[in-house]
Amino acid sequence: MLDLDVPPANGSTERRVLLHCMNTGFKATKQQLMGAATLLASSEKGPAAYIPPGPPATDTVAHRYVQLLFQQPASLNIQASAFAGAQARIGFDIESFMSKNGVSAPVAGNFFRVDGRIAATASGTAGAAGASGTGAMPTGTPQPFTGAAGEVSVPYGTAGLLSGIALFVLLVL
């Protein structure tokens, strides 16, 4: 899971990528989802343990979070120490990682957006955020939601908890 919109640092104007999570060792289970899809599960907790979404309320854009699923090469050997601490995860280059480790294109993906500003306008604190799946690249102006299910705004703590529960279910089952 990647955050594509970490604020710039050291006088730069470029946004950075943060690796929020990298889990390996997923295997197909015997459990079917909705009659067609097979549930994948892993008992491994890394090499990069989960960090929940939490963009700052002072950021001017909603953060795009991308979850990618890759076929794991048999030779993949990533040390958890490479991702110790959030600073080691900032500036993650997925293309370089894929090339260096023999990982091909993703086989599946998902995304959502979290906007830390919603908390500041809704309650005056940084405790809430909005999550949406617009498919559009966010800009400084909020984009209309065009999906069939509608837009949902939830506290980012809740979004993180739900993501953690989903990850737990995948890991345990």
C-alpha atoms as a PDB file:
ATOM      1  CA  MET A   1       0.000   0.000   0.000  1.00  0.00           C
ATOM      2  CA  LEU A   2       1.398   3.353  -1.084  1.00  0.00           C
ATOM      3  CA  ASP A   3       0.496   6.964  -0.236  1.00  0.00           C
ATOM      4  CA  LEU A   4       1.260   8.893  -3.427  1.00  0.00           C
ATOM      5  CA  ASP A   5       0.867  12.346  -1.868  1.00  0.00           C
ATOM      6  CA  VAL A   6       3.252  12.810   1.060  1.00  0.00           C
ATOM      7  CA  PRO A   7       3.911  16.573   1.366  1.00  0.00           C
ATOM      8  CA  PRO A   8       7.190  17.958  -0.006  1.00  0.00           C
ATOM      9  CA  ALA A   9      10.170  18.508   2.286  1.00  0.00           C
ATOM     10  CA  ASN A  10      13.404  20.507   2.372  1.00  0.00           C
ATOM     11  CA  GLY A  11      12.150  23.291   0.084  1.00  0.00           C
ATOM     12  CA  SER A  12      11.039  20.912  -2.665  1.00  0.00           C
ATOM     13  CA  THR A  13       7.659  21.211  -4.376  1.00  0.00           C
ATOM     14  CA  GLU A  14       7.421  17.527  -5.362  1.00  0.00           C
ATOM     15  CA  ARG A  15       5.150  15.188  -3.462  1.00  0.00           C
ATOM     16  CA  ARG A  16       6.703  11.950  -2.282  1.00  0.00           C
ATOM     17  CA  VAL A  17       5.589   8.328  -2.008  1.00  0.00           C
ATOM     18  CA  LEU A  18       5.299   6.575   1.354  1.00  0.00           C
ATOM     19  CA  LEU A  19       5.269   2.782   1.582  1.00  0.00           C
ATOM     20  CA  HIS A  20       2.453   2.134   4.080  1.00  0.00           C
ATOM     21  CA  CYS A  21       2.591  -1.638   3.960  1.00  0.00           C
ATOM     22  CA  MET A  22       4.263  -4.542   2.181  1.00  0.00           C
ATOM     23  CA  ASN A  23       3.217  -8.082   2.993  1.00  0.00           C
ATOM     24  CA  THR A  24       4.525 -11.214   1.336  1.00  0.00           C
ATOM     25  CA  GLY A  25       3.680 -14.899   1.317  1.00  0.00           C
ATOM     26  CA  PHE A  26       0.044 -14.718   0.210  1.00  0.00           C
ATOM     27  CA  LYS A  27      -1.490 -18.062  -0.721  1.00  0.00           C
ATOM     28  CA  ALA A  28      -4.891 -18.977  -2.121  1.00  0.00           C
ATOM     29  CA  THR A  29      -7.269 -20.378   0.496  1.00  0.00           C
ATOM     30  CA  LYS A  30     -10.202 -22.721  -0.069  1.00  0.00           C
ATOM     31  CA  GLN A  31     -12.618 -19.922   0.811  1.00  0.00           C
ATOM     32  CA  GLN A  32     -14.619 -18.509  -2.098  1.00  0.00           C
ATOM     33  CA  LEU A  33     -15.859 -14.912  -2.091  1.00  0.00           C
ATOM     34  CA  MET A  34     -19.198 -14.267  -3.778  1.00  0.00           C
ATOM     35  CA  GLY A  35     -18.923 -17.651  -5.457  1.00  0.00           C
ATOM     36  CA  ALA A  36     -16.117 -16.713  -7.833  1.00  0.00           C
ATOM     37  CA  ALA A  37     -13.120 -15.041  -6.202  1.00  0.00           C
ATOM     38  CA  THR A  38     -10.665 -16.925  -4.021  1.00  0.00           C
ATOM     39  CA  LEU A  39      -9.512 -15.363  -0.758  1.00  0.00           C
ATOM     40  CA  LEU A  40      -5.759 -14.852  -0.421  1.00  0.00           C
ATOM     41  CA  ALA A  41      -4.156 -14.972   3.021  1.00  0.00           C
ATOM     42  CA  SER A  42      -0.708 -14.600   4.543  1.00  0.00           C
ATOM     43  CA  SER A  43       0.588 -15.245   8.031  1.00  0.00           C
ATOM     44  CA  GLU A  44       3.568 -12.957   7.398  1.00  0.00           C
ATOM     45  CA  LYS A  45       3.629  -9.472   8.949  1.00  0.00           C
ATOM     46  CA  GLY A  46       5.983  -7.724   6.579  1.00  0.00           C
ATOM     47  CA  PRO A  47       8.614  -6.929   5.528  1.00  0.00           C
ATOM     48  CA  ALA A  48       6.942  -3.506   5.989  1.00  0.00           C
ATOM     49  CA  ALA A  49       4.287  -3.607   8.707  1.00  0.00           C
ATOM     50  CA  TYR A  50       1.029  -1.719   8.184  1.00  0.00           C
ATOM     51  CA  ILE A  51       0.892   2.027   8.896  1.00  0.00           C
ATOM     52  CA  PRO A  52      -2.692   3.363   8.767  1.00  0.00           C
ATOM     53  CA  PRO A  53      -3.601   6.363   6.588  1.00  0.00           C
ATOM     54  CA  GLY A  54      -3.317   9.737   8.318  1.00  0.00           C
ATOM     55  CA  PRO A  55      -2.708  12.773   6.121  1.00  0.00           C
ATOM     56  CA  PRO A  56      -2.256  16.015   8.059  1.00  0.00           C
ATOM     57  CA  ALA A  57      -5.257  18.372   8.365  1.00  0.00           C
ATOM     58  CA  THR A  58      -3.004  21.146   7.072  1.00  0.00           C
ATOM     59  CA  ASP A  59      -2.319  19.435   3.742  1.00  0.00           C
ATOM     60  CA  THR A  60      -4.001  21.053   0.743  1.00  0.00           C
ATOM     61  CA  VAL A  61      -4.806  17.852  -1.168  1.00  0.00           C
ATOM     62  CA  ALA A  62      -6.498  14.562  -0.437  1.00  0.00           C
ATOM     63  CA  HIS A  63      -3.991  11.719  -0.346  1.00  0.00           C
ATOM     64  CA  ARG A  64      -4.248   8.927  -2.903  1.00  0.00           C
ATOM     65  CA  TYR A  65      -3.650   5.481  -1.409  1.00  0.00           C
ATOM     66  CA  VAL A  66      -2.929   2.618  -3.804  1.00  0.00           C
ATOM     67  CA  GLN A  67      -2.961  -1.057  -2.913  1.00  0.00           C
ATOM     68  CA  LEU A  68      -1.251  -3.356  -5.405  1.00  0.00           C
ATOM     69  CA  LEU A  69      -1.073  -7.135  -5.583  1.00  0.00           C
ATOM     70  CA  PHE A  70       1.889  -8.715  -7.348  1.00  0.00           C
ATOM     71  CA  GLN A  71       2.797 -12.292  -8.117  1.00  0.00           C
ATOM     72  CA  GLN A  72       5.666 -12.941  -5.726  1.00  0.00           C
ATOM     73  CA  PRO A  73       8.858 -14.218  -7.367  1.00  0.00           C
ATOM     74  CA  ALA A  74      10.264 -17.336  -5.671  1.00  0.00           C
ATOM     75  CA  SER A  75      13.591 -15.532  -5.258  1.00  0.00           C
ATOM     76  CA  LEU A  76      12.130 -12.509  -3.417  1.00  0.00           C
ATOM     77  CA  ASN A  77      14.073 -11.883  -0.221  1.00  0.00           C
ATOM     78  CA  ILE A  78      13.280  -8.527   1.381  1.00  0.00           C
ATOM     79  CA  GLN A  79      14.650  -7.742   4.830  1.00  0.00           C
ATOM     80  CA  ALA A  80      12.321  -5.968   7.276  1.00  0.00           C
ATOM     81  CA  SER A  81      15.253  -3.800   8.351  1.00  0.00           C
ATOM     82  CA  ALA A  82      15.088  -2.071   4.949  1.00  0.00           C
ATOM     83  CA  PHE A  83      11.765  -0.534   6.033  1.00  0.00           C
ATOM     84  CA  ALA A  84      12.425   0.182   9.716  1.00  0.00           C
ATOM     85  CA  GLY A  85      10.683   3.435  10.629  1.00  0.00           C
ATOM     86  CA  ALA A  86       8.570   5.804   8.540  1.00  0.00           C
ATOM     87  CA  GLN A  87      11.590   7.799   7.289  1.00  0.00           C
ATOM     88  CA  ALA A  88      12.975   4.679   5.580  1.00  0.00           C
ATOM     89  CA  ARG A  89       9.666   4.326   3.707  1.00  0.00           C
ATOM     90  CA  ILE A  90       9.404   7.892   2.365  1.00  0.00           C
ATOM     91  CA  GLY A  91      10.490   8.218  -1.253  1.00  0.00           C
ATOM     92  CA  PHE A  92       9.690   4.577  -2.042  1.00  0.00           C
ATOM     93  CA  ASP A  93      10.182   3.950  -5.766  1.00  0.00           C
ATOM     94  CA  ILE A  94       7.900   1.101  -6.832  1.00  0.00           C
ATOM     95  CA  GLU A  95       9.388   0.843 -10.333  1.00  0.00           C
ATOM     96  CA  SER A  96      12.930   0.574  -8.976  1.00  0.00           C
ATOM     97  CA  PHE A  97      11.774  -1.980  -6.387  1.00  0.00           C
ATOM     98  CA  MET A  98      10.078  -4.066  -9.086  1.00  0.00           C
ATOM     99  CA  SER A  99      13.117  -3.957 -11.368  1.00  0.00           C
ATOM    100  CA  LYS A 100      15.616  -4.746  -8.604  1.00  0.00           C
ATOM    101  CA  ASN A 101      13.566  -7.665  -7.251  1.00  0.00           C
ATOM    102  CA  GLY A 102      12.266  -9.223 -10.483  1.00  0.00           C
ATOM    103  CA  VAL A 103       8.650  -8.317  -9.767  1.00  0.00           C
ATOM    104  CA  SER A 104       6.362  -8.053 -12.824  1.00  0.00           C
ATOM    105  CA  ALA A 105       3.311  -5.842 -13.316  1.00  0.00           C
ATOM    106  CA  PRO A 106       0.592  -5.955 -10.649  1.00  0.00           C
ATOM    107  CA  VAL A 107      -2.155  -8.550 -11.055  1.00  0.00           C
ATOM    108  CA  ALA A 108      -4.712  -6.495  -9.078  1.00  0.00           C
ATOM    109  CA  GLY A 109      -5.071  -3.112  -7.475  1.00  0.00           C
ATOM    110  CA  ASN A 110      -7.322  -0.920  -5.385  1.00  0.00           C
ATOM    111  CA  PHE A 111      -7.292   2.738  -4.346  1.00  0.00           C
ATOM    112  CA  PHE A 112      -8.959   5.223  -2.035  1.00  0.00           C
ATOM    113  CA  ARG A 113      -8.468   8.833  -1.034  1.00  0.00           C
ATOM    114  CA  VAL A 114      -8.238  10.311   2.446  1.00  0.00           C
ATOM    115  CA  ASP A 115      -8.587  14.044   3.015  1.00  0.00           C
ATOM    116  CA  GLY A 116      -7.247  15.307   6.345  1.00  0.00           C
ATOM    117  CA  ARG A 117      -8.896  18.723   5.820  1.00  0.00           C
ATOM    118  CA  ILE A 118     -12.378  17.370   6.454  1.00  0.00           C
ATOM    119  CA  ALA A 119     -11.596  17.124  10.162  1.00  0.00           C
ATOM    120  CA  ALA A 120     -10.503  20.741  10.336  1.00  0.00           C
ATOM    121  CA  THR A 121     -13.697  21.988   8.649  1.00  0.00           C
ATOM    122  CA  ALA A 122     -16.059  19.542  10.337  1.00  0.00           C
ATOM    123  CA  SER A 123     -14.910  19.594  13.937  1.00  0.00           C
ATOM    124  CA  GLY A 124     -11.913  21.898  14.228  1.00  0.00           C
ATOM    125  CA  THR A 125      -9.570  18.995  14.941  1.00  0.00           C
ATOM    126  CA  ALA A 126      -7.421  16.650  12.918  1.00  0.00           C
ATOM    127  CA  GLY A 127      -9.371  13.559  13.927  1.00  0.00           C
ATOM    128  CA  ALA A 128     -11.418  12.887  10.787  1.00  0.00           C
ATOM    129  CA  ALA A 129     -10.862  12.409   7.088  1.00  0.00           C
ATOM    130  CA  GLY A 130     -12.860  11.600   4.010  1.00  0.00           C
ATOM    131  CA  ALA A 131     -12.296   8.546   1.886  1.00  0.00           C
ATOM    132  CA  SER A 132     -13.556   8.260  -1.645  1.00  0.00           C
ATOM    133  CA  GLY A 133     -12.909   6.296  -4.793  1.00  0.00           C
ATOM    134  CA  THR A 134     -13.329   8.874  -7.540  1.00  0.00           C
ATOM    135  CA  GLY A 135     -10.711   7.490  -9.891  1.00  0.00           C
ATOM    136  CA  ALA A 136      -9.676  11.109 -10.562  1.00  0.00           C
ATOM    137  CA  MET A 137      -6.366  12.622  -9.618  1.00  0.00           C
ATOM    138  CA  PRO A 138      -7.088  15.038  -6.760  1.00  0.00           C
ATOM    139  CA  THR A 139      -6.195  18.687  -7.155  1.00  0.00           C
ATOM    140  CA  GLY A 140      -6.569  21.621  -4.789  1.00  0.00           C
ATOM    141  CA  THR A 141     -10.301  21.654  -5.589  1.00  0.00           C
ATOM    142  CA  PRO A 142     -12.449  18.701  -4.476  1.00  0.00           C
ATOM    143  CA  GLN A 143     -13.525  16.518  -7.401  1.00  0.00           C
ATOM    144  CA  PRO A 144     -17.114  15.259  -7.772  1.00  0.00           C
ATOM    145  CA  PHE A 145     -17.694  11.610  -7.052  1.00  0.00           C
ATOM    146  CA  THR A 146     -18.974   9.762 -10.110  1.00  0.00           C
ATOM    147  CA  GLY A 147     -19.242   6.199  -8.802  1.00  0.00           C
ATOM    148  CA  ALA A 148     -22.510   4.335  -8.389  1.00  0.00           C
ATOM    149  CA  ALA A 149     -22.160   3.771  -4.642  1.00  0.00           C
ATOM    150  CA  GLY A 150     -21.772   7.420  -3.637  1.00  0.00           C
ATOM    151  CA  GLU A 151     -19.077   9.088  -1.580  1.00  0.00           C
ATOM    152  CA  VAL A 152     -18.432   8.172   2.034  1.00  0.00           C
ATOM    153  CA  SER A 153     -16.746  10.373   4.620  1.00  0.00           C
ATOM    154  CA  VAL A 154     -15.423   8.603   7.693  1.00  0.00           C
ATOM    155  CA  PRO A 155     -12.892   9.527  10.358  1.00  0.00           C
ATOM    156  CA  TYR A 156      -9.437   8.463   9.197  1.00  0.00           C
ATOM    157  CA  GLY A 157      -9.063   6.490  12.404  1.00  0.00           C
ATOM    158  CA  THR A 158     -12.120   4.482  11.351  1.00  0.00           C
ATOM    159  CA  ALA A 159     -10.760   4.114   7.813  1.00  0.00           C
ATOM    160  CA  GLY A 160      -7.469   2.875   9.262  1.00  0.00           C
ATOM    161  CA  LEU A 161      -9.279   0.508  11.634  1.00  0.00           C
ATOM    162  CA  LEU A 162     -11.371  -0.923   8.786  1.00  0.00           C
ATOM    163  CA  SER A 163      -8.251  -1.329   6.649  1.00  0.00           C
ATOM    164  CA  GLY A 164      -6.514  -3.029   9.579  1.00  0.00           C
ATOM    165  CA  ILE A 165      -9.465  -5.376  10.108  1.00  0.00           C
ATOM    166  CA  ALA A 166      -9.509  -6.262   6.402  1.00  0.00           C
ATOM    167  CA  LEU A 167      -5.764  -6.898   6.510  1.00  0.00           C
ATOM    168  CA  PHE A 168      -6.165  -8.969   9.700  1.00  0.00           C
ATOM    169  CA  VAL A 169      -8.890 -11.067   8.060  1.00  0.00           C
ATOM    170  CA  LEU A 170      -6.660 -11.662   5.041  1.00  0.00           C
ATOM    171  CA  LEU A 171      -3.730 -12.607   7.260  1.00  0.00           C
ATOM    172  CA  VAL A 172      -5.612 -14.823   9.692  1.00  0.00           C
ATOM    173  CA  LEU A 173      -7.942 -16.630   7.335  1.00  0.00           C
END
